[in-house]
Full PDB file with SEQRES, HELIX, SHEET, SSBOND, CRYST1, ORIGX, SCALE, CONECT and MASTER records, all heavy atoms in Angstrom:
SEQRES   1 A   37  MET GLY THR GLN ASP PHE ASP GLU PRO GLY THR THR TRP          
SEQRES   2 A   37  PHE LEU THR GLU ARG SER SER ASP LYS VAL ALA ALA ILE          
SEQRES   3 A   37  GLU ALA ASP PRO ARG VAL ASN VAL SER TYR SER                  
HELIX    1 AA1 ASP A   21  ALA A   28  1                                   8    
SHEET    1 AA1 2 ASP A   5  GLU A   8  0                                        
SHEET    2 AA1 2 THR A  11  TRP A  13 -1                                        
CRYST1    1.000    1.000    1.000  90.00  90.00  90.00 P 1           1          
ORIGX1      1.000000  0.000000  0.000000        0.00000                         
ORIGX2      0.000000  1.000000  0.000000        0.00000                         
ORIGX3      0.000000  0.000000  1.000000        0.00000                         
SCALE1      1.000000  0.000000  0.000000        0.00000                         
SCALE2      0.000000  1.000000  0.000000        0.00000                         
SCALE3      0.000000  0.000000  1.000000        0.00000                         
ATOM      1  N   MET A   1     103.179 110.987  82.388  1.00  0.00           N  
ATOM      2  CA  MET A   1     103.140 109.529  82.561  1.00  0.00           C  
ATOM      3  C   MET A   1     102.451 109.228  83.892  1.00  0.00           C  
ATOM      4  O   MET A   1     102.693 109.916  84.881  1.00  0.00           O  
ATOM      5  CB  MET A   1     104.555 108.943  82.607  1.00  0.00           C  
ATOM      6  CG  MET A   1     105.413 109.193  81.390  1.00  0.00           C  
ATOM      7  SD  MET A   1     104.939 108.236  79.949  1.00  0.00           S  
ATOM      8  CE  MET A   1     105.517 106.614  80.381  1.00  0.00           C  
ATOM      9  N   GLY A   2     101.640 108.194  83.901  1.00  0.00           N  
ATOM     10  CA  GLY A   2     101.035 107.745  85.153  1.00  0.00           C  
ATOM     11  C   GLY A   2     101.993 106.795  85.856  1.00  0.00           C  
ATOM     12  O   GLY A   2     102.361 105.776  85.296  1.00  0.00           O  
ATOM     13  N   THR A   3     102.406 107.146  87.057  1.00  0.00           N  
ATOM     14  CA  THR A   3     103.279 106.253  87.819  1.00  0.00           C  
ATOM     15  C   THR A   3     102.470 105.028  88.199  1.00  0.00           C  
ATOM     16  O   THR A   3     101.457 105.144  88.870  1.00  0.00           O  
ATOM     17  CB  THR A   3     103.821 106.939  89.089  1.00  0.00           C  
ATOM     18  OG1 THR A   3     104.533 108.105  88.721  1.00  0.00           O  
ATOM     19  CG2 THR A   3     104.728 106.004  89.878  1.00  0.00           C  
ATOM     20  N   GLN A   4     102.907 103.871  87.766  1.00  0.00           N  
ATOM     21  CA  GLN A   4     102.192 102.647  88.070  1.00  0.00           C  
ATOM     22  C   GLN A   4     102.585 102.097  89.427  1.00  0.00           C  
ATOM     23  O   GLN A   4     101.779 101.504  90.110  1.00  0.00           O  
ATOM     24  CB  GLN A   4     102.464 101.597  86.987  1.00  0.00           C  
ATOM     25  CG  GLN A   4     101.925 101.947  85.636  1.00  0.00           C  
ATOM     26  CD  GLN A   4     100.451 102.267  85.653  1.00  0.00           C  
ATOM     27  OE1 GLN A   4     100.071 103.369  85.325  1.00  0.00           O  
ATOM     28  NE2 GLN A   4      99.621 101.336  86.027  1.00  0.00           N  
ATOM     29  N   ASP A   5     103.853 102.280  89.803  1.00  0.00           N  
ATOM     30  CA  ASP A   5     104.314 101.691  91.050  1.00  0.00           C  
ATOM     31  C   ASP A   5     105.718 102.196  91.324  1.00  0.00           C  
ATOM     32  O   ASP A   5     106.427 102.616  90.415  1.00  0.00           O  
ATOM     33  CB  ASP A   5     104.351 100.156  90.917  1.00  0.00           C  
ATOM     34  CG  ASP A   5     104.645  99.452  92.229  1.00  0.00           C  
ATOM     35  OD1 ASP A   5     104.359 100.015  93.302  1.00  0.00           O  
ATOM     36  OD2 ASP A   5     105.164  98.325  92.184  1.00  0.00           O  
ATOM     37  N   PHE A   6     106.104 102.161  92.561  1.00  0.00           N  
ATOM     38  CA  PHE A   6     107.511 102.286  92.878  1.00  0.00           C  
ATOM     39  C   PHE A   6     107.792 101.451  94.114  1.00  0.00           C  
ATOM     40  O   PHE A   6     107.026 101.445  95.069  1.00  0.00           O  
ATOM     41  CB  PHE A   6     107.987 103.740  93.013  1.00  0.00           C  
ATOM     42  CG  PHE A   6     107.349 104.558  94.090  1.00  0.00           C  
ATOM     43  CD1 PHE A   6     107.894 104.614  95.359  1.00  0.00           C  
ATOM     44  CD2 PHE A   6     106.235 105.314  93.827  1.00  0.00           C  
ATOM     45  CE1 PHE A   6     107.322 105.390  96.342  1.00  0.00           C  
ATOM     46  CE2 PHE A   6     105.656 106.102  94.804  1.00  0.00           C  
ATOM     47  CZ  PHE A   6     106.197 106.131  96.072  1.00  0.00           C  
ATOM     48  N   ASP A   7     108.845 100.648  94.027  1.00  0.00           N  
ATOM     49  CA  ASP A   7     109.238  99.781  95.127  1.00  0.00           C  
ATOM     50  C   ASP A   7     109.732 100.642  96.285  1.00  0.00           C  
ATOM     51  O   ASP A   7     109.516 100.340  97.439  1.00  0.00           O  
ATOM     52  CB  ASP A   7     110.347  98.816  94.683  1.00  0.00           C  
ATOM     53  CG  ASP A   7     109.914  97.945  93.512  1.00  0.00           C  
ATOM     54  OD1 ASP A   7     108.721  97.595  93.449  1.00  0.00           O  
ATOM     55  OD2 ASP A   7     110.753  97.631  92.661  1.00  0.00           O  
ATOM     56  N   GLU A   8     110.389 101.678  95.935  1.00  0.00           N  
ATOM     57  CA  GLU A   8     110.908 102.708  96.819  1.00  0.00           C  
ATOM     58  C   GLU A   8     111.139 103.892  95.890  1.00  0.00           C  
ATOM     59  O   GLU A   8     111.075 103.726  94.672  1.00  0.00           O  
ATOM     60  CB  GLU A   8     112.216 102.244  97.468  1.00  0.00           C  
ATOM     61  CG  GLU A   8     113.247 101.852  96.426  1.00  0.00           C  
ATOM     62  CD  GLU A   8     114.524 101.326  97.022  1.00  0.00           C  
ATOM     63  OE1 GLU A   8     114.586 100.134  97.287  1.00  0.00           O  
ATOM     64  OE2 GLU A   8     115.424 102.145  97.221  1.00  0.00           O  
ATOM     65  N   PRO A   9     111.405 105.073  96.381  1.00  0.00           N  
ATOM     66  CA  PRO A   9     111.581 106.194  95.447  1.00  0.00           C  
ATOM     67  C   PRO A   9     112.688 105.964  94.411  1.00  0.00           C  
ATOM     68  O   PRO A   9     112.654 106.558  93.344  1.00  0.00           O  
ATOM     69  CB  PRO A   9     111.917 107.373  96.367  1.00  0.00           C  
ATOM     70  CG  PRO A   9     111.263 107.033  97.652  1.00  0.00           C  
ATOM     71  CD  PRO A   9     111.379 105.530  97.765  1.00  0.00           C  
ATOM     72  N   GLY A  10     113.614 105.085  94.708  1.00  0.00           N  
ATOM     73  CA  GLY A  10     114.715 104.839  93.778  1.00  0.00           C  
ATOM     74  C   GLY A  10     114.370 103.957  92.592  1.00  0.00           C  
ATOM     75  O   GLY A  10     115.123 103.894  91.631  1.00  0.00           O  
ATOM     76  N   THR A  11     113.232 103.262  92.608  1.00  0.00           N  
ATOM     77  CA  THR A  11     112.827 102.403  91.489  1.00  0.00           C  
ATOM     78  C   THR A  11     111.368 102.672  91.162  1.00  0.00           C  
ATOM     79  O   THR A  11     110.483 102.369  91.951  1.00  0.00           O  
ATOM     80  CB  THR A  11     113.019 100.909  91.824  1.00  0.00           C  
ATOM     81  OG1 THR A  11     114.364 100.688  92.220  1.00  0.00           O  
ATOM     82  CG2 THR A  11     112.693 100.041  90.619  1.00  0.00           C  
ATOM     83  N   THR A  12     111.146 103.272  89.994  1.00  0.00           N  
ATOM     84  CA  THR A  12     109.810 103.685  89.579  1.00  0.00           C  
ATOM     85  C   THR A  12     109.451 102.991  88.272  1.00  0.00           C  
ATOM     86  O   THR A  12     110.313 102.804  87.417  1.00  0.00           O  
ATOM     87  CB  THR A  12     109.788 105.223  89.381  1.00  0.00           C  
ATOM     88  OG1 THR A  12     110.284 105.840  90.565  1.00  0.00           O  
ATOM     89  CG2 THR A  12     108.403 105.721  89.107  1.00  0.00           C  
ATOM     90  N   TRP A  13     108.179 102.645  88.116  1.00  0.00           N  
ATOM     91  CA  TRP A  13     107.710 101.922  86.932  1.00  0.00           C  
ATOM     92  C   TRP A  13     106.642 102.698  86.181  1.00  0.00           C  
ATOM     93  O   TRP A  13     105.718 103.233  86.784  1.00  0.00           O  
ATOM     94  CB  TRP A  13     107.105 100.584  87.358  1.00  0.00           C  
ATOM     95  CG  TRP A  13     108.058  99.655  88.019  1.00  0.00           C  
ATOM     96  CD1 TRP A  13     108.326  99.574  89.367  1.00  0.00           C  
ATOM     97  CD2 TRP A  13     108.870  98.667  87.405  1.00  0.00           C  
ATOM     98  NE1 TRP A  13     109.258  98.602  89.595  1.00  0.00           N  
ATOM     99  CE2 TRP A  13     109.608  98.018  88.411  1.00  0.00           C  
ATOM    100  CE3 TRP A  13     109.050  98.272  86.076  1.00  0.00           C  
ATOM    101  CZ2 TRP A  13     110.501  96.992  88.148  1.00  0.00           C  
ATOM    102  CZ3 TRP A  13     109.937  97.236  85.807  1.00  0.00           C  
ATOM    103  CH2 TRP A  13     110.649  96.616  86.839  1.00  0.00           C  
ATOM    104  N   PHE A  14     106.771 102.698  84.858  1.00  0.00           N  
ATOM    105  CA  PHE A  14     105.763 103.268  83.962  1.00  0.00           C  
ATOM    106  C   PHE A  14     105.447 102.248  82.879  1.00  0.00           C  
ATOM    107  O   PHE A  14     106.295 101.423  82.533  1.00  0.00           O  
ATOM    108  CB  PHE A  14     106.285 104.539  83.274  1.00  0.00           C  
ATOM    109  CG  PHE A  14     106.598 105.662  84.217  1.00  0.00           C  
ATOM    110  CD1 PHE A  14     107.903 105.942  84.567  1.00  0.00           C  
ATOM    111  CD2 PHE A  14     105.584 106.452  84.735  1.00  0.00           C  
ATOM    112  CE1 PHE A  14     108.202 106.982  85.423  1.00  0.00           C  
ATOM    113  CE2 PHE A  14     105.870 107.497  85.598  1.00  0.00           C  
ATOM    114  CZ  PHE A  14     107.181 107.762  85.942  1.00  0.00           C  
ATOM    115  N   LEU A  15     104.251 102.331  82.307  1.00  0.00           N  
ATOM    116  CA  LEU A  15     103.868 101.509  81.162  1.00  0.00           C  
ATOM    117  C   LEU A  15     103.950 102.371  79.913  1.00  0.00           C  
ATOM    118  O   LEU A  15     103.586 103.541  79.940  1.00  0.00           O  
ATOM    119  CB  LEU A  15     102.431 101.001  81.311  1.00  0.00           C  
ATOM    120  CG  LEU A  15     102.094 100.208  82.571  1.00  0.00           C  
ATOM    121  CD1 LEU A  15     100.618  99.851  82.576  1.00  0.00           C  
ATOM    122  CD2 LEU A  15     102.944  98.979  82.696  1.00  0.00           C  
ATOM    123  N   THR A  16     104.412 101.774  78.812  1.00  0.00           N  
ATOM    124  CA  THR A  16     104.487 102.510  77.553  1.00  0.00           C  
ATOM    125  C   THR A  16     104.512 101.520  76.391  1.00  0.00           C  
ATOM    126  O   THR A  16     104.524 100.306  76.608  1.00  0.00           O  
ATOM    127  CB  THR A  16     105.720 103.448  77.524  1.00  0.00           C  
ATOM    128  OG1 THR A  16     105.587 104.354  76.428  1.00  0.00           O  
ATOM    129  CG2 THR A  16     107.013 102.672  77.434  1.00  0.00           C  
ATOM    130  N   GLU A  17     104.539 102.037  75.180  1.00  0.00           N  
ATOM    131  CA  GLU A  17     104.621 101.182  73.992  1.00  0.00           C  
ATOM    132  C   GLU A  17     106.060 101.149  73.480  1.00  0.00           C  
ATOM    133  O   GLU A  17     106.704 102.188  73.346  1.00  0.00           O  
ATOM    134  CB  GLU A  17     103.709 101.701  72.865  1.00  0.00           C  
ATOM    135  CG  GLU A  17     102.234 101.604  73.177  1.00  0.00           C  
ATOM    136  CD  GLU A  17     101.670 102.900  73.731  1.00  0.00           C  
ATOM    137  OE1 GLU A  17     102.445 103.859  73.942  1.00  0.00           O  
ATOM    138  OE2 GLU A  17     100.453 102.958  73.960  1.00  0.00           O  
ATOM    139  N   ARG A  18     106.526  99.948  73.158  1.00  0.00           N  
ATOM    140  CA  ARG A  18     107.872  99.778  72.618  1.00  0.00           C  
ATOM    141  C   ARG A  18     108.054 100.585  71.340  1.00  0.00           C  
ATOM    142  O   ARG A  18     109.122 101.122  71.084  1.00  0.00           O  
ATOM    143  CB  ARG A  18     108.173  98.308  72.336  1.00  0.00           C  
ATOM    144  CG  ARG A  18     109.486  98.139  71.579  1.00  0.00           C  
ATOM    145  CD  ARG A  18     109.970  96.740  71.505  1.00  0.00           C  
ATOM    146  NE  ARG A  18     110.575  96.279  72.728  1.00  0.00           N  
ATOM    147  CZ  ARG A  18     111.701  96.739  73.278  1.00  0.00           C  
ATOM    148  NH1 ARG A  18     112.331  97.735  72.710  1.00  0.00           N  
ATOM    149  NH2 ARG A  18     112.194  96.245  74.367  1.00  0.00           N  
ATOM    150  N   SER A  19     107.006 100.735  70.539  1.00  0.00           N  
ATOM    151  CA  SER A  19     107.103 101.427  69.250  1.00  0.00           C  
ATOM    152  C   SER A  19     107.129 102.954  69.393  1.00  0.00           C  
ATOM    153  O   SER A  19     107.239 103.650  68.393  1.00  0.00           O  
ATOM    154  CB  SER A  19     105.935 101.021  68.348  1.00  0.00           C  
ATOM    155  OG  SER A  19     104.701 101.338  68.980  1.00  0.00           O  
ATOM    156  N   SER A  20     107.081 103.469  70.612  1.00  0.00           N  
ATOM    157  CA  SER A  20     107.041 104.929  70.805  1.00  0.00           C  
ATOM    158  C   SER A  20     108.420 105.558  70.595  1.00  0.00           C  
ATOM    159  O   SER A  20     109.455 104.913  70.772  1.00  0.00           O  
ATOM    160  CB  SER A  20     106.526 105.270  72.207  1.00  0.00           C  
ATOM    161  OG  SER A  20     107.454 104.856  73.184  1.00  0.00           O  
ATOM    162  N   ASP A  21     108.384 106.832  70.219  1.00  0.00           N  
ATOM    163  CA  ASP A  21     109.636 107.589  70.055  1.00  0.00           C  
ATOM    164  C   ASP A  21     110.419 107.649  71.359  1.00  0.00           C  
ATOM    165  O   ASP A  21     111.644 107.631  71.356  1.00  0.00           O  
ATOM    166  CB  ASP A  21     109.340 109.009  69.571  1.00  0.00           C  
ATOM    167  CG  ASP A  21     108.831 109.048  68.137  1.00  0.00           C  
ATOM    168  OD1 ASP A  21     109.028 108.053  67.400  1.00  0.00           O  
ATOM    169  OD2 ASP A  21     108.237 110.076  67.758  1.00  0.00           O  
ATOM    170  N   LYS A  22     109.714 107.724  72.497  1.00  0.00           N  
ATOM    171  CA  LYS A  22     110.416 107.849  73.774  1.00  0.00           C  
ATOM    172  C   LYS A  22     111.238 106.606  74.083  1.00  0.00           C  
ATOM    173  O   LYS A  22     112.331 106.702  74.621  1.00  0.00           O  
ATOM    174  CB  LYS A  22     109.473 108.234  74.905  1.00  0.00           C  
ATOM    175  CG  LYS A  22     108.675 107.141  75.518  1.00  0.00           C  
ATOM    176  CD  LYS A  22     107.883 107.671  76.714  1.00  0.00           C  
ATOM    177  CE  LYS A  22     106.505 107.107  76.815  1.00  0.00           C  
ATOM    178  NZ  LYS A  22     105.599 107.400  75.752  1.00  0.00           N  
ATOM    179  N   VAL A  23     110.735 105.425  73.719  1.00  0.00           N  
ATOM    180  CA  VAL A  23     111.500 104.199  73.974  1.00  0.00           C  
ATOM    181  C   VAL A  23     112.766 104.184  73.130  1.00  0.00           C  
ATOM    182  O   VAL A  23     113.853 103.884  73.634  1.00  0.00           O  
ATOM    183  CB  VAL A  23     110.635 102.942  73.739  1.00  0.00           C  
ATOM    184  CG1 VAL A  23     111.496 101.680  73.692  1.00  0.00           C  
ATOM    185  CG2 VAL A  23     109.589 102.817  74.840  1.00  0.00           C  
ATOM    186  N   ALA A  24     112.655 104.549  71.859  1.00  0.00           N  
ATOM    187  CA  ALA A  24     113.850 104.606  71.000  1.00  0.00           C  
ATOM    188  C   ALA A  24     114.866 105.597  71.562  1.00  0.00           C  
ATOM    189  O   ALA A  24     116.069 105.324  71.614  1.00  0.00           O  
ATOM    190  CB  ALA A  24     113.460 104.993  69.580  1.00  0.00           C  
ATOM    191  N   ALA A  25     114.386 106.745  72.016  1.00  0.00           N  
ATOM    192  CA  ALA A  25     115.277 107.774  72.568  1.00  0.00           C  
ATOM    193  C   ALA A  25     115.923 107.304  73.872  1.00  0.00           C  
ATOM    194  O   ALA A  25     117.129 107.491  74.075  1.00  0.00           O  
ATOM    195  CB  ALA A  25     114.506 109.066  72.793  1.00  0.00           C  
ATOM    196  N   ILE A  26     115.153 106.682  74.742  1.00  0.00           N  
ATOM    197  CA  ILE A  26     115.681 106.215  76.032  1.00  0.00           C  
ATOM    198  C   ILE A  26     116.671 105.077  75.834  1.00  0.00           C  
ATOM    199  O   ILE A  26     117.667 104.982  76.561  1.00  0.00           O  
ATOM    200  CB  ILE A  26     114.524 105.849  76.977  1.00  0.00           C  
ATOM    201  CG1 ILE A  26     113.856 107.142  77.455  1.00  0.00           C  
ATOM    202  CG2 ILE A  26     114.997 104.998  78.140  1.00  0.00           C  
ATOM    203  CD1 ILE A  26     112.553 106.943  78.196  1.00  0.00           C  
ATOM    204  N   GLU A  27     116.436 104.238  74.844  1.00  0.00           N  
ATOM    205  CA  GLU A  27     117.407 103.170  74.579  1.00  0.00           C  
ATOM    206  C   GLU A  27     118.726 103.751  74.074  1.00  0.00           C  
ATOM    207  O   GLU A  27     119.792 103.205  74.340  1.00  0.00           O  
ATOM    208  CB  GLU A  27     116.832 102.143  73.599  1.00  0.00           C  
ATOM    209  CG  GLU A  27     115.758 101.291  74.246  1.00  0.00           C  
ATOM    210  CD  GLU A  27     115.157 100.245  73.338  1.00  0.00           C  
ATOM    211  OE1 GLU A  27     115.012 100.494  72.126  1.00  0.00           O  
ATOM    212  OE2 GLU A  27     114.826  99.168  73.860  1.00  0.00           O  
ATOM    213  N   ALA A  28     118.680 104.878  73.375  1.00  0.00           N  
ATOM    214  CA  ALA A  28     119.891 105.535  72.884  1.00  0.00           C  
ATOM    215  C   ALA A  28     120.596 106.331  73.984  1.00  0.00           C  
ATOM    216  O   ALA A  28     121.821 106.410  74.022  1.00  0.00           O  
ATOM    217  CB  ALA A  28     119.561 106.454  71.705  1.00  0.00           C  
ATOM    218  N   ASP A  29     119.814 106.936  74.892  1.00  0.00           N  
ATOM    219  CA  ASP A  29     120.365 107.735  75.987  1.00  0.00           C  
ATOM    220  C   ASP A  29     119.443 107.550  77.190  1.00  0.00           C  
ATOM    221  O   ASP A  29     118.391 108.182  77.269  1.00  0.00           O  
ATOM    222  CB  ASP A  29     120.439 109.218  75.596  1.00  0.00           C  
ATOM    223  CG  ASP A  29     121.052 110.081  76.690  1.00  0.00           C  
ATOM    224  OD1 ASP A  29     121.253 109.595  77.825  1.00  0.00           O  
ATOM    225  OD2 ASP A  29     121.315 111.259  76.413  1.00  0.00           O  
ATOM    226  N   PRO A  30     119.813 106.686  78.126  1.00  0.00           N  
ATOM    227  CA  PRO A  30     118.907 106.334  79.224  1.00  0.00           C  
ATOM    228  C   PRO A  30     118.779 107.367  80.346  1.00  0.00           C  
ATOM    229  O   PRO A  30     118.005 107.158  81.276  1.00  0.00           O  
ATOM    230  CB  PRO A  30     119.499 105.032  79.756  1.00  0.00           C  
ATOM    231  CG  PRO A  30     120.947 105.131  79.447  1.00  0.00           C  
ATOM    232  CD  PRO A  30     121.031 105.871  78.136  1.00  0.00           C  
ATOM    233  N   ARG A  31     119.484 108.479  80.249  1.00  0.00           N  
ATOM    234  CA  ARG A  31     119.384 109.491  81.313  1.00  0.00           C  
ATOM    235  C   ARG A  31     118.013 110.159  81.266  1.00  0.00           C  
ATOM    236  O   ARG A  31     117.581 110.630  80.215  1.00  0.00           O  
ATOM    237  CB  ARG A  31     120.471 110.548  81.162  1.00  0.00           C  
ATOM    238  CG  ARG A  31     121.875 109.985  81.335  1.00  0.00           C  
ATOM    239  CD  ARG A  31     122.920 111.013  81.028  1.00  0.00           C  
ATOM    240  NE  ARG A  31     122.776 111.440  79.623  1.00  0.00           N  
ATOM    241  CZ  ARG A  31     123.285 112.552  79.134  1.00  0.00           C  
ATOM    242  NH1 ARG A  31     123.976 113.371  79.894  1.00  0.00           N  
ATOM    243  NH2 ARG A  31     123.118 112.848  77.857  1.00  0.00           N  
ATOM    244  N   VAL A  32     117.329 110.191  82.413  1.00  0.00           N  
ATOM    245  CA  VAL A  32     115.987 110.763  82.491  1.00  0.00           C  
ATOM    246  C   VAL A  32     115.822 111.572  83.769  1.00  0.00           C  
ATOM    247  O   VAL A  32     116.627 111.463  84.699  1.00  0.00           O  
ATOM    248  CB  VAL A  32     114.879 109.681  82.442  1.00  0.00           C  
ATOM    249  CG1 VAL A  32     114.896 108.933  81.114  1.00  0.00           C  
ATOM    250  CG2 VAL A  32     114.996 108.723  83.614  1.00  0.00           C  
ATOM    251  N   ASN A  33     114.760 112.351  83.778  1.00  0.00           N  
ATOM    252  CA  ASN A  33     114.315 113.044  84.974  1.00  0.00           C  
ATOM    253  C   ASN A  33     112.813 112.841  85.048  1.00  0.00           C  
ATOM    254  O   ASN A  33     112.127 112.892  84.026  1.00  0.00           O  
ATOM    255  CB  ASN A  33     114.647 114.536  84.909  1.00  0.00           C  
ATOM    256  CG  ASN A  33     114.240 115.235  86.181  1.00  0.00           C  
ATOM    257  OD1 ASN A  33     113.109 115.670  86.321  1.00  0.00           O  
ATOM    258  ND2 ASN A  33     115.160 115.333  87.115  1.00  0.00           N  
ATOM    259  N   VAL A  34     112.306 112.586  86.240  1.00  0.00           N  
ATOM    260  CA  VAL A  34     110.873 112.461  86.444  1.00  0.00           C  
ATOM    261  C   VAL A  34     110.482 113.451  87.531  1.00  0.00           C  
ATOM    262  O   VAL A  34     111.068 113.446  88.613  1.00  0.00           O  
ATOM    263  CB  VAL A  34     110.473 111.032  86.870  1.00  0.00           C  
ATOM    264  CG1 VAL A  34     108.957 110.914  86.948  1.00  0.00           C  
ATOM    265  CG2 VAL A  34     111.041 109.985  85.918  1.00  0.00           C  
ATOM    266  N   SER A  35     109.513 114.322  87.226  1.00  0.00           N  
ATOM    267  CA  SER A  35     109.080 115.290  88.228  1.00  0.00           C  
ATOM    268  C   SER A  35     107.675 114.961  88.714  1.00  0.00           C  
ATOM    269  O   SER A  35     106.835 114.477  87.960  1.00  0.00           O  
ATOM    270  CB  SER A  35     109.163 116.717  87.688  1.00  0.00           C  
ATOM    271  OG  SER A  35     108.344 116.869  86.560  1.00  0.00           O  
ATOM    272  N   TYR A  36     107.482 115.209  89.992  1.00  0.00           N  
ATOM    273  CA  TYR A  36     106.228 114.938  90.684  1.00  0.00           C  
ATOM    274  C   TYR A  36     105.802 116.207  91.394  1.00  0.00           C  
ATOM    275  O   TYR A  36     106.632 116.892  92.000  1.00  0.00           O  
ATOM    276  CB  TYR A  36     106.407 113.839  91.735  1.00  0.00           C  
ATOM    277  CG  TYR A  36     106.798 112.503  91.166  1.00  0.00           C  
ATOM    278  CD1 TYR A  36     108.119 112.216  90.853  1.00  0.00           C  
ATOM    279  CD2 TYR A  36     105.841 111.530  90.946  1.00  0.00           C  
ATOM    280  CE1 TYR A  36     108.479 110.984  90.320  1.00  0.00           C  
ATOM    281  CE2 TYR A  36     106.195 110.292  90.421  1.00  0.00           C  
ATOM    282  CZ  TYR A  36     107.512 110.036  90.112  1.00  0.00           C  
ATOM    283  OH  TYR A  36     107.857 108.821  89.589  1.00  0.00           O  
ATOM    284  N   SER A  37     104.511 116.508  91.358  1.00  0.00           N  
ATOM    285  CA  SER A  37     103.999 117.672  92.061  1.00  0.00           C  
ATOM    286  C   SER A  37     102.633 117.339  92.642  1.00  0.00           C  
ATOM    287  O   SER A  37     101.747 116.865  91.929  1.00  0.00           O  
ATOM    288  CB  SER A  37     103.881 118.853  91.091  1.00  0.00           C  
ATOM    289  OG  SER A  37     103.374 119.979  91.752  1.00  0.00           O  
TER     290      SER A  37                                                      
MASTER        0    0    0    1    2    0    0    6  289    1    0    3          
END                                                                             
């Protein structure tokens, strides 16, 4: 995912499509991990 913005490291924003499998999965279980290198 391309990080679009973060207000601070604690709030990060990404763009995606509502119809994607990831949105359905995240709405069911919102726990995520995002890695940066």
